[in-house]
N, C-alpha and C. Protein backbone atom coordinates (compact mmCIF):
# COMPACT_ATOMS: atom_id res chain seq x y z
N UNK A 1 -13.94 -6.94 -37.73
CA UNK A 1 -12.56 -6.54 -37.52
C UNK A 1 -11.70 -7.79 -37.68
N UNK A 2 -10.66 -7.65 -38.47
CA UNK A 2 -9.78 -8.78 -38.73
C UNK A 2 -8.76 -8.96 -37.62
N UNK A 3 -8.01 -10.05 -37.73
CA UNK A 3 -6.99 -10.37 -36.74
C UNK A 3 -5.88 -9.32 -36.76
N UNK A 4 -5.50 -8.86 -37.93
CA UNK A 4 -4.44 -7.86 -38.05
C UNK A 4 -4.87 -6.54 -37.41
N UNK A 5 -6.10 -6.14 -37.62
CA UNK A 5 -6.61 -4.90 -37.03
C UNK A 5 -6.70 -5.01 -35.52
N UNK A 6 -7.13 -6.15 -35.02
CA UNK A 6 -7.23 -6.37 -33.57
C UNK A 6 -5.84 -6.36 -32.94
N UNK A 7 -4.86 -6.94 -33.64
CA UNK A 7 -3.49 -6.94 -33.14
C UNK A 7 -2.95 -5.52 -33.07
N UNK A 8 -3.25 -4.70 -34.09
CA UNK A 8 -2.82 -3.29 -34.08
C UNK A 8 -3.43 -2.53 -32.92
N UNK A 9 -4.70 -2.77 -32.65
CA UNK A 9 -5.38 -2.08 -31.55
C UNK A 9 -4.76 -2.46 -30.22
N UNK A 10 -4.47 -3.74 -30.04
CA UNK A 10 -3.86 -4.20 -28.79
C UNK A 10 -2.47 -3.61 -28.64
N UNK A 11 -1.67 -3.62 -29.70
CA UNK A 11 -0.31 -3.06 -29.65
C UNK A 11 -0.34 -1.56 -29.38
N UNK A 12 -1.24 -0.85 -30.04
CA UNK A 12 -1.37 0.60 -29.82
C UNK A 12 -1.80 0.90 -28.39
N UNK A 13 -2.72 0.12 -27.84
CA UNK A 13 -3.15 0.30 -26.46
C UNK A 13 -2.01 0.05 -25.49
N UNK A 14 -1.20 -0.99 -25.76
CA UNK A 14 -0.07 -1.30 -24.90
C UNK A 14 0.97 -0.18 -24.95
N UNK A 15 1.20 0.38 -26.12
CA UNK A 15 2.15 1.49 -26.25
C UNK A 15 1.66 2.74 -25.51
N UNK A 16 0.37 2.97 -25.51
CA UNK A 16 -0.18 4.12 -24.80
C UNK A 16 -0.01 3.98 -23.29
N UNK A 17 0.00 2.75 -22.79
CA UNK A 17 0.17 2.53 -21.36
C UNK A 17 1.63 2.64 -20.92
N UNK A 18 2.55 2.51 -21.86
CA UNK A 18 3.99 2.61 -21.55
C UNK A 18 4.43 4.06 -21.67
N UNK A 19 4.23 4.80 -20.63
CA UNK A 19 4.59 6.22 -20.61
C UNK A 19 5.92 6.36 -19.90
N UNK A 20 6.86 7.06 -20.50
CA UNK A 20 8.16 7.26 -19.88
C UNK A 20 8.07 8.26 -18.73
N UNK A 21 8.79 7.97 -17.66
CA UNK A 21 8.82 8.84 -16.49
C UNK A 21 10.26 9.26 -16.27
N UNK A 22 10.49 10.58 -16.10
CA UNK A 22 11.84 11.07 -15.93
C UNK A 22 12.18 11.37 -14.47
N UNK A 23 11.22 11.53 -13.63
CA UNK A 23 11.48 11.87 -12.24
C UNK A 23 10.47 11.22 -11.32
N UNK A 24 10.72 11.34 -10.03
CA UNK A 24 9.81 10.78 -9.06
C UNK A 24 9.89 11.61 -7.79
N UNK A 25 8.90 11.45 -6.94
CA UNK A 25 8.87 12.16 -5.67
C UNK A 25 8.41 11.21 -4.60
N UNK A 26 9.19 11.09 -3.54
CA UNK A 26 8.80 10.29 -2.38
C UNK A 26 8.44 11.27 -1.28
N UNK A 27 7.20 11.26 -0.79
CA UNK A 27 6.80 12.24 0.23
C UNK A 27 7.70 12.18 1.46
N UNK A 28 8.12 13.35 1.90
CA UNK A 28 8.95 13.45 3.09
C UNK A 28 10.44 13.30 2.85
N UNK A 29 10.83 13.11 1.59
CA UNK A 29 12.23 12.88 1.30
C UNK A 29 12.82 14.01 0.45
N UNK A 30 12.06 15.06 0.22
CA UNK A 30 12.56 16.18 -0.57
C UNK A 30 13.74 16.83 0.16
N UNK A 31 14.84 17.09 -0.55
CA UNK A 31 16.00 17.68 0.10
C UNK A 31 15.77 19.13 0.50
N UNK A 32 16.41 19.55 1.56
CA UNK A 32 16.36 20.93 2.02
C UNK A 32 17.78 21.45 2.07
N UNK A 33 18.01 22.59 1.48
CA UNK A 33 19.35 23.17 1.48
C UNK A 33 19.44 24.25 2.56
N UNK A 34 20.56 24.25 3.26
CA UNK A 34 20.80 25.23 4.32
C UNK A 34 22.09 25.98 4.03
N UNK A 35 22.11 27.23 4.41
CA UNK A 35 23.32 28.04 4.34
C UNK A 35 23.96 28.06 5.73
N UNK A 36 25.23 28.40 5.80
CA UNK A 36 25.91 28.48 7.08
C UNK A 36 25.23 29.54 7.95
N UNK A 37 24.92 29.17 9.19
CA UNK A 37 24.26 30.08 10.12
C UNK A 37 22.74 29.98 10.12
N UNK A 38 22.16 29.22 9.20
CA UNK A 38 20.70 29.05 9.19
C UNK A 38 20.25 28.29 10.43
N UNK A 39 19.07 28.61 10.91
CA UNK A 39 18.50 27.91 12.07
C UNK A 39 17.89 26.59 11.61
N UNK A 40 18.20 25.52 12.32
CA UNK A 40 17.63 24.22 12.05
C UNK A 40 16.54 23.95 13.07
N UNK A 41 15.41 23.51 12.60
CA UNK A 41 14.31 23.19 13.50
C UNK A 41 14.41 21.72 13.90
N UNK A 42 14.53 21.47 15.19
CA UNK A 42 14.60 20.10 15.70
C UNK A 42 13.19 19.67 16.08
N UNK A 43 12.74 18.58 15.49
CA UNK A 43 11.40 18.07 15.75
C UNK A 43 11.50 16.70 16.41
N UNK A 44 10.52 16.35 17.17
CA UNK A 44 10.48 15.04 17.82
C UNK A 44 9.24 14.28 17.34
N UNK A 45 9.35 12.98 17.37
CA UNK A 45 8.24 12.12 16.97
C UNK A 45 7.86 11.28 18.18
N UNK A 46 7.03 10.32 18.01
CA UNK A 46 6.59 9.47 19.11
C UNK A 46 7.75 8.65 19.67
N UNK A 47 7.61 8.22 20.90
CA UNK A 47 8.60 7.37 21.56
C UNK A 47 8.06 5.95 21.56
N UNK A 48 8.93 5.01 21.21
CA UNK A 48 8.51 3.60 21.22
C UNK A 48 9.34 2.82 22.22
N UNK A 49 8.85 1.66 22.57
CA UNK A 49 9.50 0.83 23.57
C UNK A 49 9.64 -0.59 23.05
N UNK A 50 10.66 -1.29 23.51
CA UNK A 50 10.80 -2.70 23.14
C UNK A 50 9.92 -3.58 24.02
N UNK A 51 9.37 -3.02 25.09
CA UNK A 51 8.55 -3.79 26.02
C UNK A 51 7.05 -3.71 25.72
N UNK A 52 6.63 -2.70 24.99
CA UNK A 52 5.22 -2.56 24.65
C UNK A 52 5.10 -2.09 23.21
N UNK A 53 4.00 -2.42 22.57
CA UNK A 53 3.80 -2.01 21.19
C UNK A 53 3.16 -0.63 21.10
N UNK A 54 2.69 -0.11 22.21
CA UNK A 54 2.03 1.19 22.19
C UNK A 54 3.07 2.31 22.26
N UNK A 55 3.00 3.27 21.35
CA UNK A 55 3.94 4.39 21.41
C UNK A 55 3.48 5.43 22.43
N UNK A 56 4.42 6.24 22.90
CA UNK A 56 4.13 7.35 23.81
C UNK A 56 4.28 8.65 23.04
N UNK A 57 3.46 9.63 23.38
CA UNK A 57 3.69 10.96 22.83
C UNK A 57 4.96 11.50 23.45
N UNK A 58 5.69 12.30 22.71
CA UNK A 58 7.00 12.79 23.14
C UNK A 58 6.92 13.52 24.47
N UNK A 59 5.98 14.42 24.64
CA UNK A 59 5.89 15.22 25.87
C UNK A 59 5.08 14.54 26.97
N UNK A 60 4.62 13.30 26.78
CA UNK A 60 3.99 12.57 27.89
C UNK A 60 5.07 12.09 28.85
N UNK A 61 6.32 12.03 28.38
CA UNK A 61 7.46 11.69 29.23
C UNK A 61 8.10 12.99 29.72
N UNK A 62 9.07 12.87 30.61
CA UNK A 62 9.67 14.06 31.23
C UNK A 62 10.77 14.68 30.37
N UNK A 63 10.40 15.22 29.22
CA UNK A 63 11.34 15.94 28.38
C UNK A 63 11.09 17.43 28.54
N UNK A 64 12.11 18.23 28.26
CA UNK A 64 11.98 19.69 28.38
C UNK A 64 10.99 20.22 27.36
N UNK A 65 9.99 20.92 27.83
CA UNK A 65 9.03 21.56 26.94
C UNK A 65 9.56 22.95 26.59
N UNK A 66 9.06 23.53 25.50
CA UNK A 66 9.45 24.91 25.18
C UNK A 66 9.12 25.84 26.35
N UNK A 67 9.96 26.88 26.54
CA UNK A 67 9.80 27.78 27.69
C UNK A 67 8.43 28.43 27.75
N UNK A 68 7.90 28.80 26.60
CA UNK A 68 6.59 29.43 26.60
C UNK A 68 5.45 28.41 26.74
N UNK A 69 5.80 27.12 26.76
CA UNK A 69 4.78 26.08 26.91
C UNK A 69 3.96 25.86 25.66
N UNK A 70 4.39 26.49 24.58
CA UNK A 70 3.63 26.43 23.32
C UNK A 70 4.09 25.22 22.50
N UNK A 71 3.34 24.14 22.58
CA UNK A 71 3.66 22.90 21.87
C UNK A 71 2.80 22.84 20.61
N UNK A 72 3.47 22.72 19.45
CA UNK A 72 2.77 22.66 18.17
C UNK A 72 2.95 21.29 17.55
N UNK A 73 1.85 20.63 17.22
CA UNK A 73 1.92 19.36 16.51
C UNK A 73 1.87 19.67 15.03
N UNK A 74 2.76 19.05 14.27
CA UNK A 74 2.87 19.32 12.84
C UNK A 74 2.67 18.04 12.07
N UNK A 75 1.94 18.13 10.99
CA UNK A 75 1.78 17.03 10.07
C UNK A 75 2.38 17.50 8.75
N UNK A 76 3.42 16.82 8.30
CA UNK A 76 4.12 17.29 7.12
C UNK A 76 3.65 16.62 5.84
N UNK A 77 3.29 15.35 5.89
CA UNK A 77 2.84 14.70 4.66
C UNK A 77 1.91 13.53 4.99
N UNK A 78 1.33 12.98 3.96
CA UNK A 78 0.36 11.90 4.12
C UNK A 78 0.97 10.65 4.75
N UNK A 79 2.21 10.34 4.41
CA UNK A 79 2.86 9.16 4.98
C UNK A 79 2.97 9.23 6.49
N UNK A 80 3.27 10.41 7.03
CA UNK A 80 3.37 10.58 8.48
C UNK A 80 2.01 10.42 9.14
N UNK A 81 0.97 10.87 8.48
CA UNK A 81 -0.38 10.70 9.02
C UNK A 81 -0.75 9.23 9.05
N UNK A 82 -0.46 8.51 7.98
CA UNK A 82 -0.81 7.10 7.91
C UNK A 82 -0.01 6.25 8.90
N UNK A 83 1.23 6.64 9.20
CA UNK A 83 2.04 5.91 10.18
C UNK A 83 1.65 6.26 11.61
N UNK A 84 0.88 7.33 11.81
CA UNK A 84 0.49 7.74 13.15
C UNK A 84 1.53 8.58 13.84
N UNK A 85 2.45 9.16 13.08
CA UNK A 85 3.48 10.01 13.68
C UNK A 85 2.86 11.28 14.25
N UNK A 86 3.31 11.69 15.42
CA UNK A 86 2.89 12.93 16.05
C UNK A 86 4.13 13.82 16.15
N UNK A 87 4.40 14.59 15.12
CA UNK A 87 5.59 15.42 15.07
C UNK A 87 5.33 16.69 15.87
N UNK A 88 6.27 17.01 16.77
CA UNK A 88 6.08 18.13 17.69
C UNK A 88 7.37 18.95 17.72
N UNK A 89 7.23 20.25 18.00
CA UNK A 89 8.41 21.12 18.11
C UNK A 89 9.15 20.85 19.41
N UNK A 90 10.42 21.18 19.44
CA UNK A 90 11.25 21.04 20.64
C UNK A 90 11.91 22.37 20.96
N UNK A 91 12.39 22.55 22.18
CA UNK A 91 13.02 23.82 22.55
C UNK A 91 14.47 23.94 22.11
N UNK A 92 15.03 22.93 21.48
CA UNK A 92 16.44 22.93 21.12
C UNK A 92 16.69 23.84 19.93
N UNK A 93 17.80 24.60 19.99
CA UNK A 93 18.15 25.51 18.90
C UNK A 93 19.52 25.14 18.37
N UNK A 94 19.58 24.88 17.06
CA UNK A 94 20.83 24.51 16.40
C UNK A 94 20.99 25.42 15.19
N UNK A 95 22.20 25.97 15.03
CA UNK A 95 22.48 26.79 13.84
C UNK A 95 23.71 26.25 13.14
């Protein structure tokens, strides 16, 4: 294989690696559209302190729990799992 042929192969390989991208997705940042009067779900995450590095679970402190006592932990995406977020429902209702 000559130098010119090797140069063509390298250039063609480099062009194949340069793929154009028109969009992107960041997990957890997808927009949500609401209409007037729609119910908004209020969620809580862990509680942190400036005095300790250990976070507290939201309901380990004295916050109002849902009336039925039904606490649901939700994991929405991989980033929240990797950060150690414990997303939980709250009794607050907003429309």
